[in-house]
PDB file of N, CA and C in Angstrom:
ATOM      1  N   MET A   1     -78.201 -10.290 -11.981  1.00  0.00           N
ATOM      2  CA  MET A   1     -76.975  -9.864 -10.934  1.00  0.00           C
ATOM      3  C   MET A   1     -77.584  -8.589 -10.827  1.00  0.00           C
ATOM      4  N   SER A   2     -77.002  -8.769  -9.236  1.00  0.00           N
ATOM      5  CA  SER A   2     -77.465  -7.165  -8.756  1.00  0.00           C
ATOM      6  C   SER A   2     -76.148  -6.421  -8.923  1.00  0.00           C
ATOM      7  N   GLY A   3     -76.340  -5.385  -8.359  1.00  0.00           N
ATOM      8  CA  GLY A   3     -75.251  -4.207  -8.109  1.00  0.00           C
ATOM      9  C   GLY A   3     -74.017  -4.395  -7.437  1.00  0.00           C
ATOM     10  N   GLY A   4     -74.313  -5.193  -6.364  1.00  0.00           N
ATOM     11  CA  GLY A   4     -73.453  -5.724  -5.304  1.00  0.00           C
ATOM     12  C   GLY A   4     -72.504  -6.767  -5.774  1.00  0.00           C
ATOM     13  N   ASP A   5     -73.408  -7.738  -7.067  1.00  0.00           N
ATOM     14  CA  ASP A   5     -72.317  -8.744  -7.473  1.00  0.00           C
ATOM     15  C   ASP A   5     -71.649  -8.006  -8.404  1.00  0.00           C
ATOM     16  N   ILE A   6     -71.992  -7.031  -8.753  1.00  0.00           N
ATOM     17  CA  ILE A   6     -70.864  -6.140 -10.233  1.00  0.00           C
ATOM     18  C   ILE A   6     -69.656  -5.733  -9.687  1.00  0.00           C
ATOM     19  N   ALA A   7     -69.932  -4.988  -7.972  1.00  0.00           N
ATOM     20  CA  ALA A   7     -68.784  -4.385  -7.394  1.00  0.00           C
ATOM     21  C   ALA A   7     -68.274  -4.846  -7.168  1.00  0.00           C
ATOM     22  N   ALA A   8     -68.378  -6.552  -6.719  1.00  0.00           N
ATOM     23  CA  ALA A   8     -67.657  -7.508  -6.011  1.00  0.00           C
ATOM     24  C   ALA A   8     -66.773  -7.840  -6.895  1.00  0.00           C
ATOM     25  N   LEU A   9     -67.439  -8.380  -8.641  1.00  0.00           N
ATOM     26  CA  LEU A   9     -66.937  -8.675  -9.639  1.00  0.00           C
ATOM     27  C   LEU A   9     -65.559  -7.664 -10.273  1.00  0.00           C
ATOM     28  N   ILE A  10     -66.003  -6.417  -9.819  1.00  0.00           N
ATOM     29  CA  ILE A  10     -64.768  -4.982 -10.436  1.00  0.00           C
ATOM     30  C   ILE A  10     -63.564  -5.128  -9.384  1.00  0.00           C
ATOM     31  N   ALA A  11     -64.293  -5.579  -8.288  1.00  0.00           N
ATOM     32  CA  ALA A  11     -63.434  -5.521  -6.860  1.00  0.00           C
ATOM     33  C   ALA A  11     -62.306  -6.758  -6.738  1.00  0.00           C
ATOM     34  N   ALA A  12     -63.004  -7.609  -7.402  1.00  0.00           N
ATOM     35  CA  ALA A  12     -62.132  -8.628  -7.686  1.00  0.00           C
ATOM     36  C   ALA A  12     -61.028  -8.861  -8.701  1.00  0.00           C
ATOM     37  N   GLY A  13     -61.743  -8.103 -10.098  1.00  0.00           N
ATOM     38  CA  GLY A  13     -60.756  -7.928 -11.137  1.00  0.00           C
ATOM     39  C   GLY A  13     -59.552  -6.668 -10.518  1.00  0.00           C
ATOM     40  N   ALA A  14     -59.913  -5.925  -9.563  1.00  0.00           N
ATOM     41  CA  ALA A  14     -58.381  -4.990  -9.687  1.00  0.00           C
ATOM     42  C   ALA A  14     -57.812  -5.377  -8.592  1.00  0.00           C
ATOM     43  N   PHE A  15     -58.266  -6.321  -7.589  1.00  0.00           N
ATOM     44  CA  PHE A  15     -57.506  -6.849  -6.868  1.00  0.00           C
ATOM     45  C   PHE A  15     -56.499  -7.985  -7.513  1.00  0.00           C
ATOM     46  N   ALA A  16     -57.170  -8.848  -8.567  1.00  0.00           N
ATOM     47  CA  ALA A  16     -56.024  -9.286  -9.558  1.00  0.00           C
ATOM     48  C   ALA A  16     -55.209  -8.558 -10.546  1.00  0.00           C
ATOM     49  N   LEU A  17     -55.473  -7.270 -10.679  1.00  0.00           N
ATOM     50  CA  LEU A  17     -54.516  -6.642 -11.601  1.00  0.00           C
ATOM     51  C   LEU A  17     -53.538  -6.280 -10.466  1.00  0.00           C
ATOM     52  N   LEU A  18     -54.100  -5.545  -9.259  1.00  0.00           N
ATOM     53  CA  LEU A  18     -52.923  -5.305  -8.220  1.00  0.00           C
ATOM     54  C   LEU A  18     -51.966  -6.642  -7.868  1.00  0.00           C
ATOM     55  N   VAL A  19     -52.593  -7.923  -7.817  1.00  0.00           N
ATOM     56  CA  VAL A  19     -51.771  -9.001  -7.378  1.00  0.00           C
ATOM     57  C   VAL A  19     -50.680  -9.251  -8.517  1.00  0.00           C
ATOM     58  N   LEU A  20     -51.138  -8.869  -9.960  1.00  0.00           N
ATOM     59  CA  LEU A  20     -50.404  -9.146 -11.324  1.00  0.00           C
ATOM     60  C   LEU A  20     -49.261  -7.680 -11.145  1.00  0.00           C
ATOM     61  N   PHE A  21     -49.516  -6.718 -10.905  1.00  0.00           N
ATOM     62  CA  PHE A  21     -48.535  -5.488 -10.561  1.00  0.00           C
ATOM     63  C   PHE A  21     -47.374  -5.873  -9.621  1.00  0.00           C
ATOM     64  N   ILE A  22     -48.189  -6.603  -8.292  1.00  0.00           N
ATOM     65  CA  ILE A  22     -46.979  -6.435  -7.328  1.00  0.00           C
ATOM     66  C   ILE A  22     -46.233  -7.766  -7.576  1.00  0.00           C
ATOM     67  N   ALA A  23     -46.368  -8.581  -8.424  1.00  0.00           N
ATOM     68  CA  ALA A  23     -45.850  -9.777  -8.630  1.00  0.00           C
ATOM     69  C   ALA A  23     -44.476  -9.601  -9.825  1.00  0.00           C
ATOM     70  N   VAL A  24     -45.048  -8.800 -10.613  1.00  0.00           N
ATOM     71  CA  VAL A  24     -43.961  -8.388 -11.418  1.00  0.00           C
ATOM     72  C   VAL A  24     -42.631  -7.834 -10.641  1.00  0.00           C
ATOM     73  N   PRO A  25     -42.523  -7.081  -9.846  1.00  0.00           N
ATOM     74  CA  PRO A  25     -41.256  -6.608  -8.993  1.00  0.00           C
ATOM     75  C   PRO A  25     -40.655  -7.921  -8.427  1.00  0.00           C
ATOM     76  N   LEU A  26     -41.736  -8.525  -7.495  1.00  0.00           N
ATOM     77  CA  LEU A  26     -41.465  -9.440  -6.695  1.00  0.00           C
ATOM     78  C   LEU A  26     -40.317 -10.429  -7.084  1.00  0.00           C
ATOM     79  N   LEU A  27     -40.887 -10.845  -8.506  1.00  0.00           N
ATOM     80  CA  LEU A  27     -40.254 -11.935  -9.697  1.00  0.00           C
ATOM     81  C   LEU A  27     -38.843 -11.240  -9.751  1.00  0.00           C
ATOM     82  N   LYS A  28     -38.952 -10.163 -10.036  1.00  0.00           N
ATOM     83  CA  LYS A  28     -37.356  -9.319 -10.572  1.00  0.00           C
ATOM     84  C   LYS A  28     -36.681  -9.235  -9.013  1.00  0.00           C
ATOM     85  N   LEU A  29     -37.289  -9.065  -8.124  1.00  0.00           N
ATOM     86  CA  LEU A  29     -36.638  -8.910  -6.618  1.00  0.00           C
ATOM     87  C   LEU A  29     -36.067 -10.789  -6.253  1.00  0.00           C
ATOM     88  N   GLY A  30     -36.719 -11.807  -6.605  1.00  0.00           N
ATOM     89  CA  GLY A  30     -36.365 -12.993  -6.179  1.00  0.00           C
ATOM     90  C   GLY A  30     -34.981 -12.988  -7.163  1.00  0.00           C
ATOM     91  N   ARG A  31     -35.019 -12.513  -8.588  1.00  0.00           N
ATOM     92  CA  ARG A  31     -33.812 -12.584  -9.316  1.00  0.00           C
ATOM     93  C   ARG A  31     -32.479 -12.387  -9.019  1.00  0.00           C
ATOM     94  N   VAL A  32     -33.015 -11.190  -8.278  1.00  0.00           N
ATOM     95  CA  VAL A  32     -31.789 -10.098  -7.993  1.00  0.00           C
ATOM     96  C   VAL A  32     -31.082 -10.852  -6.921  1.00  0.00           C
ATOM     97  N   LEU A  33     -32.431 -11.618  -5.620  1.00  0.00           N
ATOM     98  CA  LEU A  33     -31.654 -11.824  -4.546  1.00  0.00           C
ATOM     99  C   LEU A  33     -30.883 -13.297  -5.109  1.00  0.00           C
ATOM    100  N   ASP A  34     -30.971 -14.311  -6.071  1.00  0.00           N
ATOM    101  CA  ASP A  34     -30.561 -15.481  -6.784  1.00  0.00           C
ATOM    102  C   ASP A  34     -29.204 -14.894  -6.938  1.00  0.00           C
ATOM    103  N   GLU A  35     -28.877 -13.716  -7.944  1.00  0.00           N
ATOM    104  CA  GLU A  35     -27.709 -13.252  -8.451  1.00  0.00           C
ATOM    105  C   GLU A  35     -26.758 -13.079  -7.414  1.00  0.00           C
ATOM    106  N   THR A  36     -27.566 -12.210  -6.552  1.00  0.00           N
ATOM    107  CA  THR A  36     -26.672 -11.767  -5.269  1.00  0.00           C
ATOM    108  C   THR A  36     -26.121 -13.267  -4.403  1.00  0.00           C
ATOM    109  N   ARG A  37     -26.836 -14.108  -4.115  1.00  0.00           N
ATOM    110  CA  ARG A  37     -26.239 -15.519  -3.558  1.00  0.00           C
ATOM    111  C   ARG A  37     -25.365 -15.853  -4.428  1.00  0.00           C
ATOM    112  N   GLU A  38     -25.337 -16.206  -5.824  1.00  0.00           N
ATOM    113  CA  GLU A  38     -24.345 -16.486  -6.753  1.00  0.00           C
ATOM    114  C   GLU A  38     -22.946 -15.895  -6.658  1.00  0.00           C
ATOM    115  N   SER A  39     -23.083 -14.515  -6.646  1.00  0.00           N
ATOM    116  CA  SER A  39     -21.862 -13.400  -6.284  1.00  0.00           C
ATOM    117  C   SER A  39     -21.234 -13.409  -5.231  1.00  0.00           C
ATOM    118  N   ILE A  40     -22.197 -14.074  -4.158  1.00  0.00           N
ATOM    119  CA  ILE A  40     -21.680 -14.218  -3.144  1.00  0.00           C
ATOM    120  C   ILE A  40     -20.580 -15.509  -2.257  1.00  0.00           C
ATOM    121  N   ARG A  41     -21.167 -16.410  -3.279  1.00  0.00           N
ATOM    122  CA  ARG A  41     -20.638 -17.473  -3.407  1.00  0.00           C
ATOM    123  C   ARG A  41     -19.268 -17.740  -4.002  1.00  0.00           C
ATOM    124  N   ASP A  42     -19.513 -17.149  -4.996  1.00  0.00           N
ATOM    125  CA  ASP A  42     -18.238 -16.891  -6.318  1.00  0.00           C
ATOM    126  C   ASP A  42     -17.134 -15.773  -5.287  1.00  0.00           C
ATOM    127  N   LEU A  43     -17.558 -14.729  -4.825  1.00  0.00           N
ATOM    128  CA  LEU A  43     -16.644 -14.314  -4.044  1.00  0.00           C
ATOM    129  C   LEU A  43     -16.015 -14.596  -2.805  1.00  0.00           C
ATOM    130  N   ASN A  44     -17.107 -15.822  -2.229  1.00  0.00           N
ATOM    131  CA  ASN A  44     -16.360 -16.727  -1.113  1.00  0.00           C
ATOM    132  C   ASN A  44     -15.263 -17.861  -1.597  1.00  0.00           C
ATOM    133  N   ASN A  45     -15.500 -18.663  -2.681  1.00  0.00           N
ATOM    134  CA  ASN A  45     -14.462 -19.051  -3.287  1.00  0.00           C
ATOM    135  C   ASN A  45     -13.512 -18.574  -3.740  1.00  0.00           C
ATOM    136  N   SER A  46     -13.128 -17.309  -4.314  1.00  0.00           N
ATOM    137  CA  SER A  46     -12.074 -16.748  -4.640  1.00  0.00           C
ATOM    138  C   SER A  46     -11.135 -15.994  -3.661  1.00  0.00           C
ATOM    139  N   VAL A  47     -11.838 -15.853  -2.623  1.00  0.00           N
ATOM    140  CA  VAL A  47     -11.342 -14.789  -1.316  1.00  0.00           C
ATOM    141  C   VAL A  47     -10.141 -16.096  -0.802  1.00  0.00           C
ATOM    142  N   ALA A  48     -10.660 -17.056  -0.304  1.00  0.00           N
ATOM    143  CA  ALA A  48     -10.120 -17.935   0.355  1.00  0.00           C
ATOM    144  C   ALA A  48      -8.212 -18.244  -0.564  1.00  0.00           C
ATOM    145  N   PRO A  49      -7.986 -18.091  -1.424  1.00  0.00           N
ATOM    146  CA  PRO A  49      -6.886 -18.447  -2.442  1.00  0.00           C
ATOM    147  C   PRO A  49      -5.867 -16.949  -2.337  1.00  0.00           C
ATOM    148  N   LEU A  50      -6.953 -16.124  -2.152  1.00  0.00           N
ATOM    149  CA  LEU A  50      -6.064 -14.447  -2.499  1.00  0.00           C
ATOM    150  C   LEU A  50      -5.853 -14.572  -0.656  1.00  0.00           C
ATOM    151  N   LEU A  51      -6.468 -14.626  -0.019  1.00  0.00           N
ATOM    152  CA  LEU A  51      -6.207 -14.669   1.570  1.00  0.00           C
ATOM    153  C   LEU A  51      -4.580 -15.366   1.819  1.00  0.00           C
ATOM    154  N   THR A  52      -4.731 -16.752   1.205  1.00  0.00           N
ATOM    155  CA  THR A  52      -3.065 -17.540   1.590  1.00  0.00           C
ATOM    156  C   THR A  52      -2.330 -16.530   0.577  1.00  0.00           C
ATOM    157  N   GLU A  53      -2.263 -16.418  -0.746  1.00  0.00           N
ATOM    158  CA  GLU A  53      -1.555 -15.944  -1.234  1.00  0.00           C
ATOM    159  C   GLU A  53      -0.925 -14.279  -0.595  1.00  0.00           C
ATOM    160  N   LEU A  54      -1.858 -13.947  -0.127  1.00  0.00           N
ATOM    161  CA  LEU A  54      -1.361 -12.581   0.611  1.00  0.00           C
ATOM    162  C   LEU A  54      -0.766 -12.698   2.477  1.00  0.00           C
ATOM    163  N   THR A  55      -1.401 -14.015   2.757  1.00  0.00           N
ATOM    164  CA  THR A  55      -0.323 -14.240   3.329  1.00  0.00           C
ATOM    165  C   THR A  55       0.854 -14.560   3.514  1.00  0.00           C
ATOM    166  N   ASP A  56       1.102 -15.147   2.181  1.00  0.00           N
ATOM    167  CA  ASP A  56       2.256 -15.748   2.078  1.00  0.00           C
ATOM    168  C   ASP A  56       3.455 -14.743   1.415  1.00  0.00           C
ATOM    169  N   THR A  57       2.674 -13.465   0.789  1.00  0.00           N
ATOM    170  CA  THR A  57       3.282 -12.673   0.817  1.00  0.00           C
ATOM    171  C   THR A  57       4.184 -11.487   1.831  1.00  0.00           C
ATOM    172  N   VAL A  58       3.191 -11.811   2.671  1.00  0.00           N
ATOM    173  CA  VAL A  58       3.508 -10.684   4.017  1.00  0.00           C
ATOM    174  C   VAL A  58       4.658 -11.451   4.481  1.00  0.00           C
ATOM    175  N   THR A  59       4.508 -12.796   4.562  1.00  0.00           N
ATOM    176  CA  THR A  59       5.491 -13.618   5.066  1.00  0.00           C
ATOM    177  C   THR A  59       7.144 -13.245   4.621  1.00  0.00           C
ATOM    178  N   GLU A  60       7.123 -13.235   3.274  1.00  0.00           N
ATOM    179  CA  GLU A  60       7.847 -13.022   2.568  1.00  0.00           C
ATOM    180  C   GLU A  60       8.510 -11.643   2.807  1.00  0.00           C
ATOM    181  N   ALA A  61       7.791 -10.481   2.727  1.00  0.00           N
ATOM    182  CA  ALA A  61       8.166  -9.143   2.692  1.00  0.00           C
ATOM    183  C   ALA A  61       8.901  -9.167   4.224  1.00  0.00           C
ATOM    184  N   ASN A  62       8.147  -9.571   5.315  1.00  0.00           N
ATOM    185  CA  ASN A  62       8.659  -9.944   6.479  1.00  0.00           C
ATOM    186  C   ASN A  62      10.055 -10.189   6.769  1.00  0.00           C
ATOM    187  N   LYS A  63      10.449 -11.822   6.139  1.00  0.00           N
ATOM    188  CA  LYS A  63      11.481 -11.875   6.130  1.00  0.00           C
ATOM    189  C   LYS A  63      12.445 -10.967   5.384  1.00  0.00           C
ATOM    190  N   GLN A  64      12.402 -10.446   4.308  1.00  0.00           N
ATOM    191  CA  GLN A  64      13.182  -9.895   3.478  1.00  0.00           C
ATOM    192  C   GLN A  64      13.517  -8.437   4.598  1.00  0.00           C
ATOM    193  N   LEU A  65      12.530  -7.669   4.892  1.00  0.00           N
ATOM    194  CA  LEU A  65      12.829  -6.375   5.664  1.00  0.00           C
ATOM    195  C   LEU A  65      13.820  -6.672   6.957  1.00  0.00           C
ATOM    196  N   ALA A  66      13.469  -8.508   7.673  1.00  0.00           N
ATOM    197  CA  ALA A  66      14.305  -8.493   8.432  1.00  0.00           C
ATOM    198  C   ALA A  66      15.886  -8.737   7.888  1.00  0.00           C
ATOM    199  N   ARG A  67      16.164  -8.992   6.693  1.00  0.00           N
ATOM    200  CA  ARG A  67      17.509  -9.032   6.225  1.00  0.00           C
ATOM    201  C   ARG A  67      17.936  -7.641   5.806  1.00  0.00           C
ATOM    202  N   VAL A  68      17.230  -6.612   5.410  1.00  0.00           N
ATOM    203  CA  VAL A  68      17.438  -5.264   5.255  1.00  0.00           C
ATOM    204  C   VAL A  68      17.853  -4.771   6.528  1.00  0.00           C
ATOM    205  N   ASP A  69      17.098  -4.840   7.650  1.00  0.00           N
ATOM    206  CA  ASP A  69      17.253  -4.408   9.002  1.00  0.00           C
ATOM    207  C   ASP A  69      18.856  -4.830   9.548  1.00  0.00           C
ATOM    208  N   VAL A  70      19.084  -6.008   8.923  1.00  0.00           N
ATOM    209  CA  VAL A  70      20.709  -6.410   9.268  1.00  0.00           C
ATOM    210  C   VAL A  70      21.793  -5.762   8.603  1.00  0.00           C
ATOM    211  N   ILE A  71      21.231  -5.667   7.144  1.00  0.00           N
ATOM    212  CA  ILE A  71      22.413  -4.860   6.421  1.00  0.00           C
ATOM    213  C   ILE A  71      22.411  -3.106   6.814  1.00  0.00           C
ATOM    214  N   THR A  72      21.387  -2.406   7.172  1.00  0.00           N
ATOM    215  CA  THR A  72      21.578  -1.160   7.446  1.00  0.00           C
ATOM    216  C   THR A  72      21.940  -0.809   8.698  1.00  0.00           C
ATOM    217  N   GLU A  73      21.727  -2.123   9.772  1.00  0.00           N
ATOM    218  CA  GLU A  73      22.815  -2.092  10.805  1.00  0.00           C
ATOM    219  C   GLU A  73      23.928  -2.178  10.672  1.00  0.00           C
ATOM    220  N   ASN A  74      24.545  -3.107   9.773  1.00  0.00           N
ATOM    221  CA  ASN A  74      25.849  -3.204   9.427  1.00  0.00           C
ATOM    222  C   ASN A  74      26.226  -1.912   8.879  1.00  0.00           C
ATOM    223  N   VAL A  75      25.810  -1.552   7.757  1.00  0.00           N
ATOM    224  CA  VAL A  75      26.076  -0.123   7.463  1.00  0.00           C
ATOM    225  C   VAL A  75      26.060   1.356   8.207  1.00  0.00           C
ATOM    226  N   ALA A  76      25.462   1.263   9.196  1.00  0.00           N
ATOM    227  CA  ALA A  76      25.638   1.932  10.311  1.00  0.00           C
ATOM    228  C   ALA A  76      26.766   1.698  11.069  1.00  0.00           C
ATOM    229  N   GLU A  77      27.181   0.564  11.423  1.00  0.00           N
ATOM    230  CA  GLU A  77      28.432   0.340  12.380  1.00  0.00           C
ATOM    231  C   GLU A  77      29.753   0.652  11.183  1.00  0.00           C
ATOM    232  N   VAL A  78      29.846   0.085  10.071  1.00  0.00           N
ATOM    233  CA  VAL A  78      30.613   0.394   9.141  1.00  0.00           C
ATOM    234  C   VAL A  78      30.541   2.015   9.103  1.00  0.00           C
ATOM    235  N   SER A  79      29.869   3.149   8.957  1.00  0.00           N
ATOM    236  CA  SER A  79      29.500   4.567   8.617  1.00  0.00           C
ATOM    237  C   SER A  79      30.645   4.907   9.969  1.00  0.00           C
ATOM    238  N   ALA A  80      30.204   4.419  11.182  1.00  0.00           N
ATOM    239  CA  ALA A  80      30.638   4.669  12.274  1.00  0.00           C
ATOM    240  C   ALA A  80      32.048   4.439  12.144  1.00  0.00           C
ATOM    241  N   ASN A  81      32.396   3.566  12.209  1.00  0.00           N
ATOM    242  CA  ASN A  81      34.047   3.209  11.714  1.00  0.00           C
ATOM    243  C   ASN A  81      34.767   4.037  11.058  1.00  0.00           C
ATOM    244  N   ILE A  82      33.927   4.228   9.692  1.00  0.00           N
ATOM    245  CA  ILE A  82      34.480   5.121   8.869  1.00  0.00           C
ATOM    246  C   ILE A  82      34.786   6.500   9.496  1.00  0.00           C
ATOM    247  N   SER A  83      33.813   6.963  10.168  1.00  0.00           N
ATOM    248  CA  SER A  83      33.761   8.301  11.105  1.00  0.00           C
ATOM    249  C   SER A  83      34.804   8.505  11.637  1.00  0.00           C
ATOM    250  N   SER A  84      35.001   7.493  12.823  1.00  0.00           N
ATOM    251  CA  SER A  84      35.911   7.334  13.468  1.00  0.00           C
ATOM    252  C   SER A  84      37.304   7.148  12.870  1.00  0.00           C
ATOM    253  N   LEU A  85      37.858   6.752  11.600  1.00  0.00           N
ATOM    254  CA  LEU A  85      38.686   6.597  11.350  1.00  0.00           C
ATOM    255  C   LEU A  85      39.425   7.905  10.601  1.00  0.00           C
ATOM    256  N   VAL A  86      38.363   8.640   9.746  1.00  0.00           N
ATOM    257  CA  VAL A  86      38.556   9.915   9.439  1.00  0.00           C
ATOM    258  C   VAL A  86      39.089  10.952  10.295  1.00  0.00           C
ATOM    259  N   ALA A  87      38.230  11.114  11.664  1.00  0.00           N
ATOM    260  CA  ALA A  87      38.582  11.873  12.769  1.00  0.00           C
ATOM    261  C   ALA A  87      40.190  11.768  13.111  1.00  0.00           C
ATOM    262  N   VAL A  88      40.507  10.006  13.488  1.00  0.00           N
ATOM    263  CA  VAL A  88      41.455  10.066  13.603  1.00  0.00           C
ATOM    264  C   VAL A  88      42.733  10.292  12.611  1.00  0.00           C
ATOM    265  N   PHE A  89      42.587  10.352  11.434  1.00  0.00           N
ATOM    266  CA  PHE A  89      43.394  10.609  10.001  1.00  0.00           C
ATOM    267  C   PHE A  89      43.734  11.999  10.006  1.00  0.00           C
ATOM    268  N   SER A  90      42.517  12.769  10.455  1.00  0.00           N
ATOM    269  CA  SER A  90      42.665  14.466   9.798  1.00  0.00           C
ATOM    270  C   SER A  90      42.974  14.827  11.266  1.00  0.00           C
ATOM    271  N   SER A  91      43.078  14.494  12.559  1.00  0.00           N
ATOM    272  CA  SER A  91      43.954  14.805  13.570  1.00  0.00           C
ATOM    273  C   SER A  91      45.369  14.884  13.296  1.00  0.00           C
ATOM    274  N   THR A  92      45.869  13.257  12.607  1.00  0.00           N
ATOM    275  CA  THR A  92      46.938  13.100  12.569  1.00  0.00           C
ATOM    276  C   THR A  92      47.869  13.794  11.542  1.00  0.00           C
ATOM    277  N   VAL A  93      47.290  13.556  10.586  1.00  0.00           N
ATOM    278  CA  VAL A  93      47.995  13.903   9.105  1.00  0.00           C
ATOM    279  C   VAL A  93      47.104  15.238   8.886  1.00  0.00           C
ATOM    280  N   GLY A  94      46.074  15.689   9.110  1.00  0.00           N
ATOM    281  CA  GLY A  94      45.155  16.709   8.538  1.00  0.00           C
ATOM    282  C   GLY A  94      45.945  17.890   8.961  1.00  0.00           C
ATOM    283  N   SER A  95      46.368  17.889  10.212  1.00  0.00           N
ATOM    284  CA  SER A  95      46.930  19.573  10.763  1.00  0.00           C
ATOM    285  C   SER A  95      48.403  19.750  10.022  1.00  0.00           C
ATOM    286  N   PRO A  96      49.369  18.840  10.095  1.00  0.00           N
ATOM    287  CA  PRO A  96      50.324  19.075   9.200  1.00  0.00           C
ATOM    288  C   PRO A  96      50.627  19.277   8.234  1.00  0.00           C
ATOM    289  N   LEU A  97      49.368  18.849   7.447  1.00  0.00           N
ATOM    290  CA  LEU A  97      49.415  19.143   5.843  1.00  0.00           C
ATOM    291  C   LEU A  97      49.155  20.606   5.742  1.00  0.00           C
ATOM    292  N   VAL A  98      47.954  21.146   6.682  1.00  0.00           N
ATOM    293  CA  VAL A  98      47.374  22.212   6.858  1.00  0.00           C
ATOM    294  C   VAL A  98      48.636  22.903   6.930  1.00  0.00           C
ATOM    295  N   LYS A  99      49.531  22.933   8.155  1.00  0.00           N
ATOM    296  CA  LYS A  99      50.580  23.663   8.077  1.00  0.00           C
ATOM    297  C   LYS A  99      51.767  24.038   6.733  1.00  0.00           C
ATOM    298  N   LEU A 100      51.900  22.630   6.395  1.00  0.00           N
ATOM    299  CA  LEU A 100      52.881  22.556   4.939  1.00  0.00           C
ATOM    300  C   LEU A 100      52.114  22.937   3.992  1.00  0.00           C
ATOM    301  N   ALA A 101      50.991  23.141   3.466  1.00  0.00           N
ATOM    302  CA  ALA A 101      50.086  23.785   2.577  1.00  0.00           C
ATOM    303  C   ALA A 101      50.384  25.354   2.879  1.00  0.00           C
ATOM    304  N   GLY A 102      50.185  26.055   3.759  1.00  0.00           N
ATOM    305  CA  GLY A 102      50.395  26.979   4.232  1.00  0.00           C
ATOM    306  C   GLY A 102      51.661  27.461   4.464  1.00  0.00           C
ATOM    307  N   LEU A 103      53.014  26.851   4.569  1.00  0.00           N
ATOM    308  CA  LEU A 103      53.983  27.025   4.317  1.00  0.00           C
ATOM    309  C   LEU A 103      54.537  27.387   2.788  1.00  0.00           C
ATOM    310  N   ALA A 104      53.709  26.175   1.569  1.00  0.00           N
ATOM    311  CA  ALA A 104      53.744  26.569   0.502  1.00  0.00           C
ATOM    312  C   ALA A 104      53.196  27.390  -0.202  1.00  0.00           C
ATOM    313  N   GLN A 105      52.224  28.092   0.305  1.00  0.00           N
ATOM    314  CA  GLN A 105      51.862  29.064  -0.301  1.00  0.00           C
ATOM    315  C   GLN A 105      52.500  30.346   0.211  1.00  0.00           C
ATOM    316  N   GLY A 106      52.930  30.202   1.444  1.00  0.00           N
ATOM    317  CA  GLY A 106      53.876  31.590   1.906  1.00  0.00           C
ATOM    318  C   GLY A 106      55.385  31.578   0.859  1.00  0.00           C
ATOM    319  N   LEU A 107      55.906  30.354   0.767  1.00  0.00           N
ATOM    320  CA  LEU A 107      56.719  30.074   0.083  1.00  0.00           C
ATOM    321  C   LEU A 107      56.378  30.962  -1.721  1.00  0.00           C
ATOM    322  N   ARG A 108      55.764  30.270  -2.300  1.00  0.00           N
ATOM    323  CA  ARG A 108      55.319  30.883  -3.533  1.00  0.00           C
ATOM    324  C   ARG A 108      55.291  32.517  -3.540  1.00  0.00           C
ATOM    325  N   SER A 109      54.424  32.773  -2.609  1.00  0.00           N
ATOM    326  CA  SER A 109      53.828  34.310  -2.783  1.00  0.00           C
ATOM    327  C   SER A 109      55.176  34.812  -2.180  1.00  0.00           C
ATOM    328  N   ASN A 110      56.277  34.520  -1.892  1.00  0.00           N
ATOM    329  CA  ASN A 110      57.481  35.044  -1.606  1.00  0.00           C
ATOM    330  C   ASN A 110      58.018  35.043  -2.701  1.00  0.00           C
ATOM    331  N   LEU A 111      58.517  33.943  -3.339  1.00  0.00           N
ATOM    332  CA  LEU A 111      59.161  33.670  -4.767  1.00  0.00           C
ATOM    333  C   LEU A 111      58.532  34.742  -5.711  1.00  0.00           C
ATOM    334  N   THR A 112      57.078  34.374  -6.023  1.00  0.00           N
ATOM    335  CA  THR A 112      56.890  35.368  -7.179  1.00  0.00           C
ATOM    336  C   THR A 112      56.901  37.181  -6.764  1.00  0.00           C
ATOM    337  N   LYS A 113      57.100  37.217  -5.271  1.00  0.00           N
ATOM    338  CA  LYS A 113      57.303  38.895  -5.383  1.00  0.00           C
ATOM    339  C   LYS A 113      58.318  39.668  -5.771  1.00  0.00           C
ATOM    340  N   LYS A 114      59.598  38.420  -5.349  1.00  0.00           N
ATOM    341  CA  LYS A 114      60.980  38.652  -5.663  1.00  0.00           C
ATOM    342  C   LYS A 114      61.466  39.017  -7.104  1.00  0.00           C
ATOM    343  N   LYS A 115      60.418  38.431  -7.738  1.00  0.00           N
ATOM    344  CA  LYS A 115      60.465  38.384  -9.194  1.00  0.00           C
ATOM    345  C   LYS A 115      60.371  39.599  -9.856  1.00  0.00           C
TER     346      LYS A 115
END
């Protein structure tokens, strides 16, 4: 065997070791890709029912919000009516009551002074 043959054997052995060292990470990368594919498949299978439930939930929430909107409009109308009623009551009854209260206070103060 000549020196060139020995060098070729050493180079072939080094190349074989290099292939082995590269093969291990490639095999691990292949496993990672398989796991990723399975995870994506599972995610895809579970997302469709979740989106269906989410759509149903949003639809029901919109229905409830429409009902609440009607209720708040009715409350706004009722409070406006009550406000008008209070204004009418205070203008018709309030002013004479204030005068009557003033008269009563004046009479009371006069009666207490005389004693």
